[in-house]
Amino acid sequence: MAVPKKRTSKQRKRKRRTHYKAESVTLQTCPTCGDPMRPHRVCPSCGAYRGETVLDVETF
């Protein structure tokens, strides 16, 4: 069984793991109000989905 001869340094380990990172959130504009929203979800500001009002959002 292969055993490493020397300990892997933090720097070498972190260089190897540079590609393991969170992806940025994709956003699109709501066709009803124009605010940014996540695709295929109800707009949090106006409550519309695919041009129809689905939720009644209270404005403060």
PDB file of N, CA and C in Angstrom:
ATOM      1  N   MET A   1       0.838  -1.167   0.000  1.00  0.00           N
ATOM      2  CA  MET A   1       0.000   0.000   0.000  1.00  0.00           C
ATOM      3  C   MET A   1       0.889   1.239   0.000  1.00  0.00           C
ATOM      4  N   ALA A   2       0.566   2.192  -0.858  1.00  0.00           N
ATOM      5  CA  ALA A   2       1.382   3.396  -0.981  1.00  0.00           C
ATOM      6  C   ALA A   2       1.118   4.339   0.180  1.00  0.00           C
ATOM      7  N   VAL A   3       2.199   4.801   0.787  1.00  0.00           N
ATOM      8  CA  VAL A   3       2.106   5.732   1.908  1.00  0.00           C
ATOM      9  C   VAL A   3       2.936   6.957   1.547  1.00  0.00           C
ATOM     10  N   PRO A   4       2.396   8.175   1.741  1.00  0.00           N
ATOM     11  CA  PRO A   4       3.190   9.361   1.412  1.00  0.00           C
ATOM     12  C   PRO A   4       4.426   9.471   2.290  1.00  0.00           C
ATOM     13  N   LYS A   5       5.536   9.836   1.661  1.00  0.00           N
ATOM     14  CA  LYS A   5       6.797   9.928   2.384  1.00  0.00           C
ATOM     15  C   LYS A   5       6.861  11.190   3.243  1.00  0.00           C
ATOM     16  N   LYS A   6       6.276  12.285   2.733  1.00  0.00           N
ATOM     17  CA  LYS A   6       6.280  13.542   3.474  1.00  0.00           C
ATOM     18  C   LYS A   6       4.871  14.092   3.563  1.00  0.00           C
ATOM     19  N   ARG A   7       4.673  14.933   4.536  1.00  0.00           N
ATOM     20  CA  ARG A   7       3.365  15.543   4.754  1.00  0.00           C
ATOM     21  C   ARG A   7       3.061  16.554   3.642  1.00  0.00           C
ATOM     22  N   THR A   8       1.809  16.598   3.189  1.00  0.00           N
ATOM     23  CA  THR A   8       1.403  17.572   2.179  1.00  0.00           C
ATOM     24  C   THR A   8       1.203  18.922   2.852  1.00  0.00           C
ATOM     25  N   SER A   9       1.863  19.935   2.318  1.00  0.00           N
ATOM     26  CA  SER A   9       1.785  21.260   2.938  1.00  0.00           C
ATOM     27  C   SER A   9       0.418  21.898   2.672  1.00  0.00           C
ATOM     28  N   LYS A  10       0.088  22.903   3.473  1.00  0.00           N
ATOM     29  CA  LYS A  10      -1.187  23.611   3.308  1.00  0.00           C
ATOM     30  C   LYS A  10      -1.251  24.275   1.944  1.00  0.00           C
ATOM     31  N   GLN A  11      -0.136  24.855   1.531  1.00  0.00           N
ATOM     32  CA  GLN A  11      -0.103  25.559   0.256  1.00  0.00           C
ATOM     33  C   GLN A  11      -0.352  24.602  -0.908  1.00  0.00           C
ATOM     34  N   ARG A  12       0.293  23.451  -0.897  1.00  0.00           N
ATOM     35  CA  ARG A  12       0.114  22.474  -1.975  1.00  0.00           C
ATOM     36  C   ARG A  12      -1.314  21.935  -1.979  1.00  0.00           C
ATOM     37  N   LYS A  13      -1.866  21.708  -0.809  1.00  0.00           N
ATOM     38  CA  LYS A  13      -3.238  21.200  -0.698  1.00  0.00           C
ATOM     39  C   LYS A  13      -4.235  22.224  -1.222  1.00  0.00           C
ATOM     40  N   ARG A  14      -4.006  23.498  -0.897  1.00  0.00           N
ATOM     41  CA  ARG A  14      -4.922  24.556  -1.329  1.00  0.00           C
ATOM     42  C   ARG A  14      -4.800  24.825  -2.830  1.00  0.00           C
ATOM     43  N   LYS A  15      -3.614  24.666  -3.376  1.00  0.00           N
ATOM     44  CA  LYS A  15      -3.448  24.813  -4.823  1.00  0.00           C
ATOM     45  C   LYS A  15      -4.254  23.746  -5.561  1.00  0.00           C
ATOM     46  N   ARG A  16      -4.273  22.558  -5.026  1.00  0.00           N
ATOM     47  CA  ARG A  16      -4.996  21.453  -5.657  1.00  0.00           C
ATOM     48  C   ARG A  16      -6.506  21.656  -5.576  1.00  0.00           C
ATOM     49  N   ARG A  17      -6.961  22.334  -4.525  1.00  0.00           N
ATOM     50  CA  ARG A  17      -8.396  22.507  -4.296  1.00  0.00           C
ATOM     51  C   ARG A  17      -8.945  23.844  -4.791  1.00  0.00           C
ATOM     52  N   THR A  18      -8.231  24.532  -5.669  1.00  0.00           N
ATOM     53  CA  THR A  18      -8.696  25.841  -6.134  1.00  0.00           C
ATOM     54  C   THR A  18      -9.968  25.744  -6.962  1.00  0.00           C
ATOM     55  N   HIS A  19     -10.236  24.619  -7.563  1.00  0.00           N
ATOM     56  CA  HIS A  19     -11.407  24.472  -8.420  1.00  0.00           C
ATOM     57  C   HIS A  19     -12.660  24.103  -7.639  1.00  0.00           C
ATOM     58  N   TYR A  20     -12.533  23.774  -6.355  1.00  0.00           N
ATOM     59  CA  TYR A  20     -13.695  23.446  -5.535  1.00  0.00           C
ATOM     60  C   TYR A  20     -14.238  24.730  -4.927  1.00  0.00           C
ATOM     61  N   LYS A  21     -15.093  25.432  -5.648  1.00  0.00           N
ATOM     62  CA  LYS A  21     -15.637  26.666  -5.128  1.00  0.00           C
ATOM     63  C   LYS A  21     -17.100  26.782  -5.540  1.00  0.00           C
ATOM     64  N   ALA A  22     -17.820  27.611  -4.842  1.00  0.00           N
ATOM     65  CA  ALA A  22     -19.241  27.793  -5.111  1.00  0.00           C
ATOM     66  C   ALA A  22     -19.432  28.577  -6.399  1.00  0.00           C
ATOM     67  N   GLU A  23     -20.442  28.186  -7.174  1.00  0.00           N
ATOM     68  CA  GLU A  23     -20.755  28.893  -8.401  1.00  0.00           C
ATOM     69  C   GLU A  23     -21.560  30.146  -8.082  1.00  0.00           C
ATOM     70  N   SER A  24     -21.446  31.129  -8.941  1.00  0.00           N
ATOM     71  CA  SER A  24     -22.212  32.350  -8.728  1.00  0.00           C
ATOM     72  C   SER A  24     -23.686  32.094  -9.051  1.00  0.00           C
ATOM     73  N   VAL A  25     -24.549  32.797  -8.360  1.00  0.00           N
ATOM     74  CA  VAL A  25     -25.993  32.621  -8.527  1.00  0.00           C
ATOM     75  C   VAL A  25     -26.424  33.281  -9.828  1.00  0.00           C
ATOM     76  N   THR A  26     -27.173  32.543 -10.656  1.00  0.00           N
ATOM     77  CA  THR A  26     -27.655  33.117 -11.903  1.00  0.00           C
ATOM     78  C   THR A  26     -28.912  33.931 -11.627  1.00  0.00           C
ATOM     79  N   LEU A  27     -28.982  35.097 -12.235  1.00  0.00           N
ATOM     80  CA  LEU A  27     -30.119  35.985 -12.063  1.00  0.00           C
ATOM     81  C   LEU A  27     -30.633  36.417 -13.421  1.00  0.00           C
ATOM     82  N   GLN A  28     -31.919  36.677 -13.486  1.00  0.00           N
ATOM     83  CA  GLN A  28     -32.519  37.261 -14.677  1.00  0.00           C
ATOM     84  C   GLN A  28     -33.509  38.319 -14.224  1.00  0.00           C
ATOM     85  N   THR A  29     -33.923  39.169 -15.130  1.00  0.00           N
ATOM     86  CA  THR A  29     -34.854  40.227 -14.758  1.00  0.00           C
ATOM     87  C   THR A  29     -36.279  39.716 -14.851  1.00  0.00           C
ATOM     88  N   CYS A  30     -37.099  40.144 -13.921  1.00  0.00           N
ATOM     89  CA  CYS A  30     -38.511  39.769 -13.902  1.00  0.00           C
ATOM     90  C   CYS A  30     -39.215  40.491 -15.051  1.00  0.00           C
ATOM     91  N   PRO A  31     -39.998  39.777 -15.859  1.00  0.00           N
ATOM     92  CA  PRO A  31     -40.681  40.446 -16.969  1.00  0.00           C
ATOM     93  C   PRO A  31     -41.776  41.402 -16.499  1.00  0.00           C
ATOM     94  N   THR A  32     -42.280  41.221 -15.278  1.00  0.00           N
ATOM     95  CA  THR A  32     -43.354  42.075 -14.774  1.00  0.00           C
ATOM     96  C   THR A  32     -42.821  43.356 -14.149  1.00  0.00           C
ATOM     97  N   CYS A  33     -41.891  43.227 -13.199  1.00  0.00           N
ATOM     98  CA  CYS A  33     -41.423  44.412 -12.466  1.00  0.00           C
ATOM     99  C   CYS A  33     -40.008  44.835 -12.830  1.00  0.00           C
ATOM    100  N   GLY A  34     -39.217  43.953 -13.434  1.00  0.00           N
ATOM    101  CA  GLY A  34     -37.859  44.310 -13.830  1.00  0.00           C
ATOM    102  C   GLY A  34     -36.804  44.103 -12.769  1.00  0.00           C
ATOM    103  N   ASP A  35     -37.175  43.612 -11.594  1.00  0.00           N
ATOM    104  CA  ASP A  35     -36.197  43.342 -10.539  1.00  0.00           C
ATOM    105  C   ASP A  35     -35.471  42.030 -10.823  1.00  0.00           C
ATOM    106  N   PRO A  36     -34.234  41.874 -10.317  1.00  0.00           N
ATOM    107  CA  PRO A  36     -33.527  40.613 -10.520  1.00  0.00           C
ATOM    108  C   PRO A  36     -34.154  39.494  -9.710  1.00  0.00           C
ATOM    109  N   MET A  37     -34.226  38.296 -10.318  1.00  0.00           N
ATOM    110  CA  MET A  37     -34.805  37.118  -9.661  1.00  0.00           C
ATOM    111  C   MET A  37     -34.103  35.880 -10.197  1.00  0.00           C
ATOM    112  N   ARG A  38     -34.216  34.786  -9.473  1.00  0.00           N
ATOM    113  CA  ARG A  38     -33.655  33.521  -9.918  1.00  0.00           C
ATOM    114  C   ARG A  38     -34.587  32.890 -10.937  1.00  0.00           C
ATOM    115  N   PRO A  39     -34.048  32.250 -11.969  1.00  0.00           N
ATOM    116  CA  PRO A  39     -34.909  31.687 -13.005  1.00  0.00           C
ATOM    117  C   PRO A  39     -35.755  30.526 -12.491  1.00  0.00           C
ATOM    118  N   HIS A  40     -36.944  30.380 -13.060  1.00  0.00           N
ATOM    119  CA  HIS A  40     -37.899  29.312 -12.747  1.00  0.00           C
ATOM    120  C   HIS A  40     -38.397  29.377 -11.313  1.00  0.00           C
ATOM    121  N   ARG A  41     -38.481  30.586 -10.759  1.00  0.00           N
ATOM    122  CA  ARG A  41     -38.993  30.770  -9.407  1.00  0.00           C
ATOM    123  C   ARG A  41     -39.896  31.995  -9.377  1.00  0.00           C
ATOM    124  N   VAL A  42     -40.733  32.081  -8.361  1.00  0.00           N
ATOM    125  CA  VAL A  42     -41.618  33.228  -8.208  1.00  0.00           C
ATOM    126  C   VAL A  42     -40.787  34.448  -7.841  1.00  0.00           C
ATOM    127  N   CYS A  43     -41.115  35.585  -8.429  1.00  0.00           N
ATOM    128  CA  CYS A  43     -40.394  36.825  -8.150  1.00  0.00           C
ATOM    129  C   CYS A  43     -40.660  37.230  -6.703  1.00  0.00           C
ATOM    130  N   PRO A  44     -39.621  37.469  -5.897  1.00  0.00           N
ATOM    131  CA  PRO A  44     -39.839  37.826  -4.494  1.00  0.00           C
ATOM    132  C   PRO A  44     -40.401  39.229  -4.296  1.00  0.00           C
ATOM    133  N   SER A  45     -40.246  40.102  -5.281  1.00  0.00           N
ATOM    134  CA  SER A  45     -40.712  41.478  -5.093  1.00  0.00           C
ATOM    135  C   SER A  45     -42.155  41.682  -5.540  1.00  0.00           C
ATOM    136  N   CYS A  46     -42.572  41.026  -6.635  1.00  0.00           N
ATOM    137  CA  CYS A  46     -43.933  41.257  -7.113  1.00  0.00           C
ATOM    138  C   CYS A  46     -44.820  40.017  -7.029  1.00  0.00           C
ATOM    139  N   GLY A  47     -44.249  38.819  -6.847  1.00  0.00           N
ATOM    140  CA  GLY A  47     -45.037  37.596  -6.711  1.00  0.00           C
ATOM    141  C   GLY A  47     -45.519  37.022  -8.024  1.00  0.00           C
ATOM    142  N   ALA A  48     -44.902  37.388  -9.128  1.00  0.00           N
ATOM    143  CA  ALA A  48     -45.334  36.902 -10.440  1.00  0.00           C
ATOM    144  C   ALA A  48     -44.477  35.726 -10.884  1.00  0.00           C
ATOM    145  N   TYR A  49     -45.100  34.814 -11.628  1.00  0.00           N
ATOM    146  CA  TYR A  49     -44.398  33.695 -12.239  1.00  0.00           C
ATOM    147  C   TYR A  49     -44.951  33.516 -13.641  1.00  0.00           C
ATOM    148  N   ARG A  50     -44.083  33.616 -14.627  1.00  0.00           N
ATOM    149  CA  ARG A  50     -44.434  33.498 -16.042  1.00  0.00           C
ATOM    150  C   ARG A  50     -45.533  34.482 -16.445  1.00  0.00           C
ATOM    151  N   GLY A  51     -45.450  35.695 -15.937  1.00  0.00           N
ATOM    152  CA  GLY A  51     -46.380  36.745 -16.315  1.00  0.00           C
ATOM    153  C   GLY A  51     -47.677  36.781 -15.536  1.00  0.00           C
ATOM    154  N   GLU A  52     -47.922  35.799 -14.665  1.00  0.00           N
ATOM    155  CA  GLU A  52     -49.146  35.761 -13.871  1.00  0.00           C
ATOM    156  C   GLU A  52     -48.815  35.990 -12.402  1.00  0.00           C
ATOM    157  N   THR A  53     -49.668  36.722 -11.699  1.00  0.00           N
ATOM    158  CA  THR A  53     -49.474  36.948 -10.276  1.00  0.00           C
ATOM    159  C   THR A  53     -49.901  35.706  -9.510  1.00  0.00           C
ATOM    160  N   VAL A  54     -48.959  35.093  -8.836  1.00  0.00           N
ATOM    161  CA  VAL A  54     -49.202  33.843  -8.120  1.00  0.00           C
ATOM    162  C   VAL A  54     -49.313  34.091  -6.625  1.00  0.00           C
ATOM    163  N   LEU A  55     -48.449  34.957  -6.084  1.00  0.00           N
ATOM    164  CA  LEU A  55     -48.451  35.274  -4.665  1.00  0.00           C
ATOM    165  C   LEU A  55     -48.870  36.716  -4.446  1.00  0.00           C
ATOM    166  N   ASP A  56     -49.551  36.944  -3.346  1.00  0.00           N
ATOM    167  CA  ASP A  56     -49.907  38.300  -2.968  1.00  0.00           C
ATOM    168  C   ASP A  56     -48.821  38.806  -2.022  1.00  0.00           C
ATOM    169  N   VAL A  57     -47.932  39.657  -2.549  1.00  0.00           N
ATOM    170  CA  VAL A  57     -46.809  40.173  -1.773  1.00  0.00           C
ATOM    171  C   VAL A  57     -47.202  41.495  -1.154  1.00  0.00           C
ATOM    172  N   GLU A  58     -47.027  41.595   0.153  1.00  0.00           N
ATOM    173  CA  GLU A  58     -47.349  42.839   0.857  1.00  0.00           C
ATOM    174  C   GLU A  58     -46.166  43.792   0.719  1.00  0.00           C
ATOM    175  N   THR A  59     -46.439  45.048   0.420  1.00  0.00           N
ATOM    176  CA  THR A  59     -45.383  46.046   0.312  1.00  0.00           C
ATOM    177  C   THR A  59     -45.337  46.851   1.615  1.00  0.00           C
ATOM    178  N   PHE A  60     -44.135  47.115   2.076  1.00  0.00           N
ATOM    179  CA  PHE A  60     -43.964  47.839   3.321  1.00  0.00           C
ATOM    180  C   PHE A  60     -43.508  49.234   3.056  1.00  0.00           C
TER     181      PHE A  60
END
